[in-house]
Structure formats: C-alpha cells, structure tokens
N, C-alpha and C. Protein backbone atom coordinates (compact mmCIF):
# COMPACT_ATOMS: atom_id res chain seq x y z
N MET A 1 43.83 21.58 -76.96
CA MET A 1 43.74 20.96 -75.97
C MET A 1 44.17 19.39 -74.79
N PHE A 2 44.52 19.66 -73.31
CA PHE A 2 45.26 18.74 -72.97
C PHE A 2 44.78 18.22 -72.16
N VAL A 3 44.92 16.59 -72.23
CA VAL A 3 43.77 15.94 -71.78
C VAL A 3 44.94 14.70 -71.29
N HIS A 4 44.04 14.24 -70.02
CA HIS A 4 44.74 13.74 -69.07
C HIS A 4 43.49 12.24 -68.72
N ALA A 5 43.83 11.34 -68.57
CA ALA A 5 42.83 10.23 -67.59
C ALA A 5 43.61 9.77 -66.37
N TYR A 6 42.71 9.47 -65.69
CA TYR A 6 43.23 9.17 -64.35
C TYR A 6 42.27 7.80 -63.95
N VAL A 7 43.25 6.78 -64.07
CA VAL A 7 42.83 5.91 -63.63
C VAL A 7 42.74 4.31 -62.38
N ASP A 8 41.54 4.15 -62.15
CA ASP A 8 41.57 3.02 -60.82
C ASP A 8 41.28 2.19 -61.25
N GLU A 9 41.19 1.08 -60.22
CA GLU A 9 40.81 -1.17 -60.61
C GLU A 9 39.43 -1.35 -59.46
N SER A 10 39.65 -2.37 -59.41
CA SER A 10 38.10 -2.77 -58.91
C SER A 10 37.90 -4.34 -59.05
N TYR A 11 37.96 -5.29 -58.50
CA TYR A 11 37.79 -6.30 -58.93
C TYR A 11 36.69 -6.93 -57.52
N ASP A 12 36.73 -8.36 -58.05
CA ASP A 12 35.66 -8.98 -57.07
C ASP A 12 36.35 -10.63 -57.33
N LEU A 13 37.05 -11.14 -56.76
CA LEU A 13 36.56 -12.38 -56.92
C LEU A 13 36.35 -13.55 -56.99
N THR A 14 35.21 -13.35 -56.50
CA THR A 14 33.84 -14.46 -56.53
C THR A 14 32.89 -14.60 -57.41
N ILE A 15 33.28 -13.35 -58.43
CA ILE A 15 32.24 -13.58 -59.46
C ILE A 15 33.65 -13.41 -60.44
N GLY A 16 35.19 -13.45 -59.98
CA GLY A 16 35.82 -13.52 -61.41
C GLY A 16 35.74 -11.99 -62.08
N VAL A 17 35.70 -11.07 -62.22
CA VAL A 17 35.72 -9.73 -63.05
C VAL A 17 36.61 -9.11 -62.28
N TYR A 18 37.04 -8.48 -62.49
CA TYR A 18 38.37 -7.44 -62.43
C TYR A 18 38.10 -5.88 -63.52
N ILE A 19 37.99 -4.99 -62.73
CA ILE A 19 37.87 -4.06 -64.21
C ILE A 19 39.11 -2.56 -63.71
N LEU A 20 39.35 -1.97 -64.53
CA LEU A 20 40.49 -0.89 -65.09
C LEU A 20 39.94 -0.39 -65.57
N THR A 21 39.60 1.03 -65.05
CA THR A 21 38.89 2.53 -65.69
C THR A 21 39.26 3.54 -65.86
N ALA A 22 39.74 4.34 -66.60
CA ALA A 22 40.20 5.45 -66.83
C ALA A 22 39.05 6.39 -66.98
N SER A 23 39.03 8.00 -66.20
CA SER A 23 38.32 9.06 -66.54
C SER A 23 38.99 10.00 -67.29
N ILE A 24 38.67 10.51 -68.52
CA ILE A 24 39.49 11.06 -69.30
C ILE A 24 38.66 13.03 -69.35
N VAL A 25 39.67 13.68 -68.80
CA VAL A 25 39.44 14.71 -68.31
C VAL A 25 39.91 15.99 -69.58
N ASP A 26 39.50 16.85 -69.72
CA ASP A 26 40.23 17.65 -70.44
C ASP A 26 40.53 18.36 -69.45
N TYR A 27 42.17 18.84 -69.57
CA TYR A 27 42.71 19.69 -68.01
C TYR A 27 42.34 20.91 -68.03
N SER A 28 41.78 21.52 -69.47
CA SER A 28 40.79 23.21 -68.67
C SER A 28 39.83 22.81 -67.81
N ASP A 29 38.85 21.48 -67.70
CA ASP A 29 37.71 21.48 -66.84
C ASP A 29 38.32 20.95 -65.31
N ALA A 30 39.17 20.25 -65.55
CA ALA A 30 40.00 19.75 -64.38
C ALA A 30 39.82 20.11 -62.65
N GLU A 31 39.46 21.41 -62.62
CA GLU A 31 39.53 22.34 -61.41
C GLU A 31 38.46 22.19 -60.97
N ASP A 32 37.65 22.90 -61.72
CA ASP A 32 35.83 22.55 -61.33
C ASP A 32 35.72 21.59 -61.22
N ILE A 33 35.70 20.19 -61.47
CA ILE A 33 35.76 19.15 -60.91
C ILE A 33 36.34 18.22 -60.01
N ARG A 34 37.51 18.61 -59.49
CA ARG A 34 38.06 18.73 -58.52
C ARG A 34 36.98 19.38 -57.53
N CYS A 35 36.92 20.54 -57.41
CA CYS A 35 36.15 21.43 -56.50
C CYS A 35 34.85 20.70 -56.20
N MET A 36 34.27 19.96 -57.76
CA MET A 36 32.75 19.43 -57.06
C MET A 36 32.84 17.99 -56.59
N LEU A 37 33.96 17.82 -56.60
CA LEU A 37 34.65 16.22 -56.09
C LEU A 37 34.99 16.56 -54.18
N ARG A 38 35.23 17.50 -54.03
CA ARG A 38 35.61 17.87 -53.01
C ARG A 38 34.43 18.05 -52.20
N GLU A 39 33.21 19.15 -52.87
CA GLU A 39 32.23 18.89 -51.99
C GLU A 39 31.14 18.06 -52.28
N LEU A 40 31.61 16.73 -52.64
CA LEU A 40 30.91 15.83 -52.38
C LEU A 40 31.46 14.93 -51.19
N ARG A 41 32.73 14.89 -51.05
CA ARG A 41 33.35 14.38 -50.03
C ARG A 41 32.79 14.89 -48.89
N ARG A 42 32.47 13.31 -47.70
CA ARG A 42 31.90 13.35 -46.42
C ARG A 42 33.13 13.23 -45.29
N GLY A 43 33.34 14.28 -44.20
CA GLY A 43 35.19 13.55 -43.80
C GLY A 43 36.01 14.36 -44.15
N GLY A 44 37.17 13.37 -43.90
CA GLY A 44 38.27 13.67 -44.12
C GLY A 44 38.97 12.53 -45.34
N GLY A 45 39.96 12.36 -45.65
CA GLY A 45 40.49 11.65 -47.02
C GLY A 45 39.87 11.58 -48.16
N LYS A 46 39.82 10.47 -48.87
CA LYS A 46 39.09 10.51 -49.90
C LYS A 46 37.50 9.70 -49.98
N LEU A 47 37.11 10.43 -51.44
CA LEU A 47 35.70 9.38 -51.79
C LEU A 47 35.95 8.47 -52.50
N HIS A 48 35.54 7.37 -51.68
CA HIS A 48 35.49 6.27 -51.72
C HIS A 48 34.18 5.28 -52.12
N TRP A 49 34.20 4.37 -53.42
CA TRP A 49 32.55 4.01 -53.37
C TRP A 49 32.11 2.94 -52.94
N SER A 50 32.66 1.91 -52.84
CA SER A 50 32.96 1.30 -51.75
C SER A 50 32.84 1.34 -50.14
N LYS A 51 32.78 2.03 -49.88
CA LYS A 51 32.97 2.96 -48.54
C LYS A 51 31.28 3.57 -48.26
N GLU A 52 30.50 4.17 -49.39
CA GLU A 52 29.49 5.15 -49.64
C GLU A 52 28.47 4.09 -48.85
N PRO A 53 27.41 4.56 -48.29
CA PRO A 53 25.93 4.03 -48.19
C PRO A 53 25.22 4.24 -49.39
N THR A 54 23.89 3.46 -49.61
CA THR A 54 23.17 4.06 -50.86
C THR A 54 22.40 5.17 -50.87
N ASN A 55 21.73 5.53 -49.91
CA ASN A 55 21.92 6.96 -50.39
C ASN A 55 22.48 8.01 -50.72
N ARG A 56 24.26 8.05 -50.88
CA ARG A 56 25.17 8.56 -51.03
C ARG A 56 25.84 8.50 -52.42
N ARG A 57 25.49 6.88 -52.40
CA ARG A 57 25.75 6.59 -54.10
C ARG A 57 24.88 7.50 -55.22
N ASP A 58 23.37 7.23 -54.82
CA ASP A 58 22.57 7.76 -55.61
C ASP A 58 22.92 9.26 -55.97
N GLU A 59 24.00 9.94 -54.71
CA GLU A 59 23.75 11.33 -54.92
C GLU A 59 24.82 11.56 -55.86
N ILE A 60 25.92 10.51 -55.19
CA ILE A 60 27.51 10.68 -55.99
C ILE A 60 27.07 10.91 -57.78
N VAL A 61 26.62 9.45 -57.81
CA VAL A 61 26.16 9.25 -59.48
C VAL A 61 25.60 10.06 -59.85
N LYS A 62 24.36 11.16 -59.16
CA LYS A 62 23.63 12.11 -59.93
C LYS A 62 24.54 12.71 -60.35
N THR A 63 25.30 13.57 -59.19
CA THR A 63 26.16 14.46 -59.51
C THR A 63 27.26 14.30 -60.75
N VAL A 64 27.77 13.38 -60.58
CA VAL A 64 28.96 12.82 -61.61
C VAL A 64 27.97 12.79 -63.02
N SER A 65 27.16 12.82 -63.41
CA SER A 65 26.38 12.02 -64.40
C SER A 65 26.61 13.71 -65.52
N THR A 66 26.25 14.64 -64.58
CA THR A 66 26.23 15.99 -64.89
C THR A 66 27.84 16.25 -66.14
N LEU A 67 29.01 15.86 -65.46
CA LEU A 67 30.18 16.09 -65.99
C LEU A 67 29.99 15.93 -67.32
N SER A 68 30.89 16.74 -68.30
CA SER A 68 30.86 16.25 -69.71
C SER A 68 32.43 15.45 -69.75
N LEU A 69 32.27 14.15 -69.15
CA LEU A 69 33.58 13.45 -69.21
C LEU A 69 33.35 11.88 -70.17
N THR A 70 34.19 11.16 -70.48
CA THR A 70 34.34 10.14 -70.89
C THR A 70 35.04 9.33 -69.70
N THR A 71 34.46 7.83 -70.11
CA THR A 71 35.28 6.92 -69.33
C THR A 71 35.70 5.53 -70.28
N VAL A 72 36.75 4.89 -69.79
CA VAL A 72 36.80 3.89 -70.79
C VAL A 72 37.25 2.49 -69.49
N SER A 73 36.71 1.26 -69.93
CA SER A 73 37.01 0.61 -68.57
C SER A 73 36.97 -0.53 -69.64
N VAL A 74 37.93 -1.34 -68.84
CA VAL A 74 38.47 -2.99 -69.40
C VAL A 74 38.18 -3.59 -68.20
N ILE A 75 37.00 -4.48 -68.72
CA ILE A 75 36.67 -6.07 -67.70
C ILE A 75 37.22 -7.05 -68.24
N GLY A 76 37.67 -7.29 -67.30
CA GLY A 76 38.53 -8.68 -67.70
C GLY A 76 38.05 -9.92 -66.94
N SER A 77 37.67 -11.14 -67.12
CA SER A 77 36.64 -11.97 -66.33
C SER A 77 37.52 -13.22 -66.66
N SER A 78 37.87 -14.10 -65.52
CA SER A 78 38.13 -15.20 -65.41
C SER A 78 37.67 -15.71 -64.50
N ALA A 79 37.23 -17.40 -64.48
CA ALA A 79 37.01 -18.21 -63.54
C ALA A 79 37.98 -18.32 -62.79
N ALA A 80 38.84 -18.56 -62.73
CA ALA A 80 40.26 -18.02 -60.99
C ALA A 80 41.19 -17.11 -61.55
N LEU A 81 40.15 -16.00 -61.19
CA LEU A 81 40.95 -14.64 -61.19
C LEU A 81 41.96 -14.34 -60.44
N ARG A 82 42.99 -13.89 -60.92
CA ARG A 82 44.01 -13.56 -60.54
C ARG A 82 44.54 -12.30 -60.57
N PRO A 83 44.45 -11.26 -59.34
CA PRO A 83 44.08 -10.05 -59.20
C PRO A 83 45.47 -9.31 -60.60
N GLU A 84 46.49 -9.35 -59.90
CA GLU A 84 47.99 -8.72 -61.10
C GLU A 84 47.76 -9.39 -61.84
N ARG A 85 47.46 -10.35 -62.75
CA ARG A 85 47.45 -11.29 -64.20
C ARG A 85 46.71 -10.08 -64.99
N SER A 86 45.56 -10.32 -64.33
CA SER A 86 44.28 -9.22 -64.62
C SER A 86 44.43 -8.61 -64.56
N ARG A 87 44.94 -7.67 -63.68
CA ARG A 87 45.79 -5.90 -63.63
C ARG A 87 46.44 -5.57 -65.17
N ARG A 88 47.71 -6.83 -65.14
CA ARG A 88 48.42 -6.51 -66.73
C ARG A 88 47.59 -6.87 -68.11
N LYS A 89 46.31 -7.68 -67.47
CA LYS A 89 46.29 -8.29 -69.39
C LYS A 89 44.59 -6.59 -69.19
N CYS A 90 44.12 -6.06 -68.48
CA CYS A 90 43.67 -5.20 -68.75
C CYS A 90 44.53 -3.50 -69.30
N MET A 91 45.55 -3.74 -68.11
CA MET A 91 46.48 -2.44 -68.80
C MET A 91 46.92 -2.05 -70.49
N GLU A 92 47.01 -3.63 -70.50
CA GLU A 92 47.48 -3.77 -72.06
C GLU A 92 46.98 -3.33 -73.28
N VAL A 93 45.15 -3.53 -72.88
CA VAL A 93 44.11 -2.95 -73.94
C VAL A 93 44.00 -1.37 -73.28
N LEU A 94 43.92 -1.24 -72.08
CA LEU A 94 44.01 0.26 -71.72
C LEU A 94 44.36 1.55 -72.32
N LEU A 95 45.35 1.00 -71.86
CA LEU A 95 46.48 1.90 -72.18
C LEU A 95 46.54 2.31 -73.99
N PRO A 96 47.02 1.79 -75.03
CA PRO A 96 46.71 2.21 -75.99
C PRO A 96 45.40 2.37 -76.77
N GLU A 97 44.40 1.68 -76.08
CA GLU A 97 43.16 2.85 -76.22
C GLU A 97 42.84 4.19 -75.76
N LEU A 98 43.73 4.83 -74.71
CA LEU A 98 43.98 5.84 -73.93
C LEU A 98 44.61 6.68 -75.16
N GLU A 99 46.02 6.55 -75.94
CA GLU A 99 46.51 7.03 -76.81
C GLU A 99 46.06 7.54 -77.92
N SER A 100 45.20 6.46 -78.64
CA SER A 100 44.54 6.93 -79.36
C SER A 100 43.10 7.17 -79.49
N ALA A 101 42.77 7.50 -78.30
CA ALA A 101 42.24 8.64 -77.61
C ALA A 101 42.89 10.08 -77.71
N GLY A 102 44.06 10.51 -78.13
CA GLY A 102 44.44 11.30 -77.51
C GLY A 102 44.33 11.89 -76.44
N VAL A 103 44.85 10.86 -75.36
CA VAL A 103 45.47 11.37 -74.06
C VAL A 103 46.91 11.51 -73.81
N ASP A 104 47.06 12.88 -73.59
CA ASP A 104 48.42 13.47 -73.46
C ASP A 104 48.77 12.86 -71.78
N ALA A 105 48.37 11.81 -70.83
CA ALA A 105 49.08 12.00 -69.72
C ALA A 105 47.74 10.61 -69.11
N VAL A 106 48.83 9.91 -67.84
CA VAL A 106 47.74 9.25 -67.65
C VAL A 106 48.61 9.09 -65.84
N HIS A 107 47.44 9.17 -65.08
CA HIS A 107 47.96 8.74 -63.37
C HIS A 107 46.91 7.69 -63.12
N PHE A 108 47.92 6.89 -63.02
CA PHE A 108 47.54 5.69 -62.01
C PHE A 108 47.02 5.96 -60.38
N GLU A 109 46.16 5.47 -59.91
CA GLU A 109 46.02 5.62 -58.14
C GLU A 109 47.05 4.43 -58.16
N ALA A 110 48.43 5.23 -56.51
CA ALA A 110 49.51 4.55 -56.37
C ALA A 110 48.72 3.12 -55.65
N ARG A 111 49.60 2.29 -55.57
CA ARG A 111 49.40 1.54 -54.63
C ARG A 111 50.97 1.15 -54.05
N GLN A 112 51.02 -0.01 -53.50
CA GLN A 112 51.71 -0.48 -52.71
C GLN A 112 53.01 -0.33 -53.84
N GLU A 113 54.22 -0.11 -53.40
CA GLU A 113 55.58 0.36 -54.53
C GLU A 113 55.63 -1.05 -55.60
N ARG A 114 56.11 -2.00 -54.37
CA ARG A 114 55.96 -3.43 -55.44
C ARG A 114 55.26 -3.51 -56.53
N ASN A 115 53.95 -2.87 -56.25
CA ASN A 115 53.16 -3.12 -57.52
C ASN A 115 53.19 -2.22 -58.40
N ASN A 116 53.21 -0.93 -58.07
CA ASN A 116 53.85 0.17 -58.87
C ASN A 116 54.98 -0.21 -59.90
N LYS A 117 56.01 -0.97 -59.37
CA LYS A 117 57.00 -1.14 -59.44
C LYS A 117 56.47 -2.39 -60.87
N GLN A 118 55.95 -3.17 -60.88
CA GLN A 118 55.01 -4.02 -61.40
C GLN A 118 54.67 -3.25 -62.68
N ASP A 119 53.33 -2.41 -62.35
CA ASP A 119 53.14 -1.50 -63.85
C ASP A 119 54.10 -0.72 -64.70
N LYS A 120 54.83 -0.13 -63.75
CA LYS A 120 55.88 0.70 -64.36
C LYS A 120 56.65 -0.56 -65.62
N GLU A 121 56.72 -2.41 -65.05
CA GLU A 121 57.62 -2.14 -65.90
C GLU A 121 56.68 -3.16 -67.30
N LEU A 122 55.48 -3.37 -66.51
CA LEU A 122 54.52 -4.02 -67.97
C LEU A 122 54.35 -2.64 -68.96
N ILE A 123 54.29 -1.42 -68.70
CA ILE A 123 54.01 0.09 -69.38
C ILE A 123 55.71 -0.38 -70.31
N ALA A 124 56.92 -0.33 -69.58
CA ALA A 124 58.12 -0.73 -70.29
C ALA A 124 58.12 -1.47 -71.21
N THR A 125 57.76 -2.50 -71.27
CA THR A 125 57.32 -3.68 -71.85
C THR A 125 56.48 -3.01 -73.10
N CYS A 126 55.90 -2.43 -72.84
CA CYS A 126 54.31 -2.49 -74.01
C CYS A 126 54.56 -1.12 -74.28
N ARG A 127 55.81 -0.43 -74.47
CA ARG A 127 56.98 1.30 -75.10
C ARG A 127 58.17 0.32 -75.94
N MET A 128 58.45 -1.42 -75.77
CA MET A 128 59.23 -1.45 -76.45
C MET A 128 58.74 -2.84 -76.83
N LYS A 129 57.85 -3.38 -77.17
CA LYS A 129 57.14 -3.59 -78.33
C LYS A 129 56.26 -2.81 -79.15
N ARG A 130 56.66 -1.52 -78.65
CA ARG A 130 55.24 -0.35 -79.84
C ARG A 130 54.26 -0.27 -79.63
N ILE A 131 53.65 -1.08 -78.65
CA ILE A 131 51.94 -0.82 -78.31
C ILE A 131 51.56 0.56 -77.89
N LEU A 132 53.17 1.24 -77.12
CA LEU A 132 52.76 1.99 -76.89
C LEU A 132 53.76 2.95 -76.93
N SER A 133 53.68 4.56 -77.35
CA SER A 133 54.87 5.15 -77.94
C SER A 133 55.14 5.99 -76.67
N ASN A 134 56.18 6.86 -76.91
CA ASN A 134 56.65 7.70 -75.34
C ASN A 134 56.20 9.17 -75.40
N ARG A 135 54.93 9.21 -75.63
CA ARG A 135 54.85 10.45 -76.27
C ARG A 135 53.48 10.41 -74.83
N ILE A 136 53.12 9.61 -74.60
CA ILE A 136 51.85 9.39 -73.60
C ILE A 136 52.43 9.39 -72.06
N GLN A 137 52.40 10.28 -71.15
CA GLN A 137 53.06 10.42 -69.90
C GLN A 137 51.82 9.90 -68.68
N ILE A 138 53.00 8.47 -68.12
CA ILE A 138 52.53 7.93 -67.34
C ILE A 138 52.55 8.42 -65.77
N ASP A 139 52.37 8.15 -64.69
CA ASP A 139 52.48 8.57 -63.71
C ASP A 139 51.55 7.78 -62.24
N PHE A 140 52.25 7.55 -60.99
CA PHE A 140 51.25 7.33 -59.89
C PHE A 140 51.06 8.01 -58.89
N VAL A 141 49.91 8.22 -58.07
CA VAL A 141 49.48 9.16 -57.62
C VAL A 141 48.76 8.48 -56.29
N PRO A 142 48.84 9.19 -55.37
CA PRO A 142 48.42 8.62 -54.38
C PRO A 142 47.05 8.98 -54.26
N GLY A 143 45.89 8.36 -54.28
CA GLY A 143 44.32 8.66 -54.53
C GLY A 143 43.96 10.16 -53.43
N GLY A 144 44.04 9.61 -52.45
CA GLY A 144 43.93 11.05 -51.64
C GLY A 144 44.09 12.43 -51.69
N THR A 145 45.14 12.81 -52.77
CA THR A 145 45.74 13.83 -53.33
C THR A 145 45.23 13.97 -54.42
N GLU A 146 44.51 13.06 -55.06
CA GLU A 146 44.43 13.35 -56.16
C GLU A 146 42.22 13.52 -56.09
N PRO A 147 41.95 14.46 -56.27
CA PRO A 147 40.10 14.30 -56.38
C PRO A 147 40.04 13.58 -57.64
N LEU A 148 40.48 13.76 -59.04
CA LEU A 148 40.06 13.06 -59.71
C LEU A 148 40.31 11.63 -60.70
N LEU A 149 41.31 10.96 -59.00
CA LEU A 149 41.31 9.83 -59.10
C LEU A 149 39.71 9.49 -58.83
N TRP A 150 38.82 9.77 -57.88
CA TRP A 150 37.90 9.17 -57.35
C TRP A 150 36.89 8.91 -58.74
N LEU A 151 36.88 10.04 -59.80
CA LEU A 151 35.62 9.62 -60.69
C LEU A 151 36.03 8.12 -61.46
N PRO A 152 37.38 7.71 -61.38
CA PRO A 152 37.41 6.04 -62.13
C PRO A 152 36.60 5.68 -60.49
N ASP A 153 36.88 5.53 -59.67
CA ASP A 153 36.78 4.75 -58.65
C ASP A 153 35.07 4.83 -58.55
N ILE A 154 34.55 5.97 -59.08
CA ILE A 154 33.22 5.86 -58.67
C ILE A 154 32.60 4.83 -60.29
N THR A 155 33.22 5.28 -61.34
CA THR A 155 32.66 4.08 -62.09
C THR A 155 33.20 2.85 -62.24
N CYS A 156 34.08 1.98 -61.35
CA CYS A 156 34.36 1.30 -61.63
C CYS A 156 33.41 0.52 -60.27
N GLY A 157 33.11 1.13 -59.38
CA GLY A 157 31.82 0.59 -58.02
C GLY A 157 30.76 0.45 -59.13
N ILE A 158 30.29 1.33 -59.65
CA ILE A 158 28.83 1.35 -61.03
C ILE A 158 28.86 0.11 -61.66
N LEU A 159 30.11 0.05 -62.57
CA LEU A 159 30.54 -1.43 -63.59
C LEU A 159 30.46 -2.83 -62.47
N LEU A 160 30.91 -2.60 -61.23
CA LEU A 160 30.89 -3.84 -60.80
C LEU A 160 29.93 -4.16 -60.12
N ALA A 161 29.18 -2.95 -59.43
CA ALA A 161 27.34 -3.51 -59.38
C ALA A 161 27.13 -4.02 -60.29
N THR A 162 26.83 -3.27 -61.50
CA THR A 162 26.48 -4.23 -62.52
C THR A 162 27.18 -5.29 -62.85
N GLU A 163 27.92 -5.75 -63.00
CA GLU A 163 28.45 -7.11 -63.17
C GLU A 163 27.51 -7.77 -61.80
N ARG A 164 27.37 -7.67 -61.05
CA ARG A 164 26.52 -8.23 -59.88
C ARG A 164 25.35 -8.52 -60.38
N GLY A 165 24.39 -7.69 -60.97
CA GLY A 165 23.36 -7.95 -60.80
C GLY A 165 22.36 -6.36 -61.40
N ASP A 166 23.15 -5.43 -60.44
CA ASP A 166 22.15 -4.40 -60.19
C ASP A 166 22.68 -2.37 -61.09
N ASP A 167 21.99 -2.90 -62.59
CA ASP A 167 22.25 -2.28 -63.31
C ASP A 167 21.65 -0.30 -63.05
N SER A 168 21.15 -0.57 -61.81
CA SER A 168 20.21 0.90 -61.65
C SER A 168 21.29 2.13 -61.79
N TYR A 169 22.81 2.03 -61.37
CA TYR A 169 23.71 3.15 -60.72
C TYR A 169 24.11 3.41 -62.31
N PHE A 170 24.43 2.47 -63.64
CA PHE A 170 24.83 2.62 -64.50
C PHE A 170 23.19 3.38 -65.80
N GLU A 171 22.57 2.92 -65.17
CA GLU A 171 20.98 3.70 -66.11
C GLU A 171 21.61 5.21 -65.83
N GLN A 172 21.83 5.36 -64.40
CA GLN A 172 21.55 7.02 -63.90
C GLN A 172 23.22 8.01 -64.65
N LEU A 173 24.37 7.14 -64.90
CA LEU A 173 25.27 7.58 -65.38
C LEU A 173 25.18 8.86 -66.35
N GLY A 174 25.00 8.50 -67.51
CA GLY A 174 24.85 8.85 -67.93
C GLY A 174 25.87 9.38 -69.29
N HIS A 175 27.05 9.66 -68.63
CA HIS A 175 28.45 10.03 -69.83
C HIS A 175 28.49 9.03 -70.37
N ALA A 176 29.53 9.42 -71.30
CA ALA A 176 29.60 8.49 -72.49
C ALA A 176 30.95 7.20 -71.59
N ALA A 177 30.54 5.85 -71.57
CA ALA A 177 31.26 4.90 -70.82
C ALA A 177 30.97 3.52 -72.04
N ARG A 178 32.53 3.83 -72.31
CA ARG A 178 33.32 2.40 -73.01
C ARG A 178 33.33 1.55 -72.27
N GLN A 179 33.22 0.26 -73.04
CA GLN A 179 33.41 -0.73 -71.81
C GLN A 179 33.99 -1.67 -73.23
N LEU A 180 34.86 -2.26 -72.76
CA LEU A 180 35.85 -3.42 -73.36
C LEU A 180 36.17 -4.52 -72.14
N LYS A 181 35.51 -6.14 -73.40
CA LYS A 181 35.11 -7.05 -72.16
C LYS A 181 36.66 -8.18 -72.45
N ILE A 182 37.21 -8.33 -71.67
CA ILE A 182 38.36 -9.32 -72.54
C ILE A 182 38.96 -10.50 -70.91
N ALA A 183 39.34 -11.47 -71.81
CA ALA A 183 39.45 -12.90 -71.30
C ALA A 183 40.48 -12.48 -69.91
N ALA A 184 40.41 -12.45 -68.69
CA ALA A 184 41.62 -11.95 -68.14
C ALA A 184 42.59 -12.99 -67.56
N ASN A 185 42.22 -14.34 -68.13
CA ASN A 185 42.67 -15.54 -67.61
C ASN A 185 44.38 -15.50 -68.21
C-alpha cells in the first residue's frame, strides 16, 4: 500500500482560527477519486468550497462522505491570529502525525513561492530536529492541477463552518476525521 496525503488550509482572522487539513488517500484509489471530484466540478478551474453555493456544498458533502478516506486536521486558535505563524505551528503537529500514520508522500497545495520557501525551511528544520524523517516525501502542487487537493479544501471549509457554529456539514461528512486542536500563538 502506497499512501499519499494532500494538504490545504483555511483560516478566519475574525474568529482566530487556522485549519490545516490532510486528506489521506491510498494511491490505488487515487484515480477513481480524481474522476469523481472532476465530475463534481462546475466550469473550469478547481473545486473550491468557499466559492460554492449552499446547495452545491450539500451535494459535495454527500458525495465526499461516500469515500473511504481519512483526514487529519490541525486546528490552531489564537486571539491575535497571524496566519503564517499559525501555519508553521500546525505543520509542526501535522507532519509527524502523517508520518506516524504511514504516509509516504505529502502534497501541499502550492502558494506563492516565498510562502512555499518558508514551508520548505520549516520542513528542513523538522528533519534536522528529527521531528520528521527523510523517509516521507514532500512537495508543492498547484491546486488546479491535482483534484485530490480539493478534498482537504472541502474538509477545511466544513471545519471552518463548524468553528463558526454551523456543524450541519460536519454531521454529514461521515468519514474518519481526526481533529487536533492547538494554541496557534
């Protein structure tokens, strides 16, 4: 079994929450899941939770809930949330969790090059501190080119809705969703 994790983020400065989610996919199931996600997409580009209307979100959650996958989400909270600091704190927790779960490769949704560089520096630091081994491969992929990156985007959107007080989507999700809450200050 070759296991990959696809990672995306979401945050809300007004409530002081940063969420970093990994959707863990057995690589033998990857192509079937990609096809299903492409069918969910309307128009060009990627499927993006925050741009979907409520009726589409219901359809998306219903479809995603049928998948046998696991998600690990690190939810960082801080009264004075600083997104990049919160991301680093969440990554320091998420990456060792993924490695201990047997993940072979981690694919982060690519951001601006300077942000990717900061992430790569953090990864190198984690390896140097032996928080993370060299066994696990990590790369950065544009979200529009890899439909499996839409899975953590969906889960982040669902968890952010829950943090805002609407747990209706989370109740529908149904698959194993592990949440780790941390202080992100």
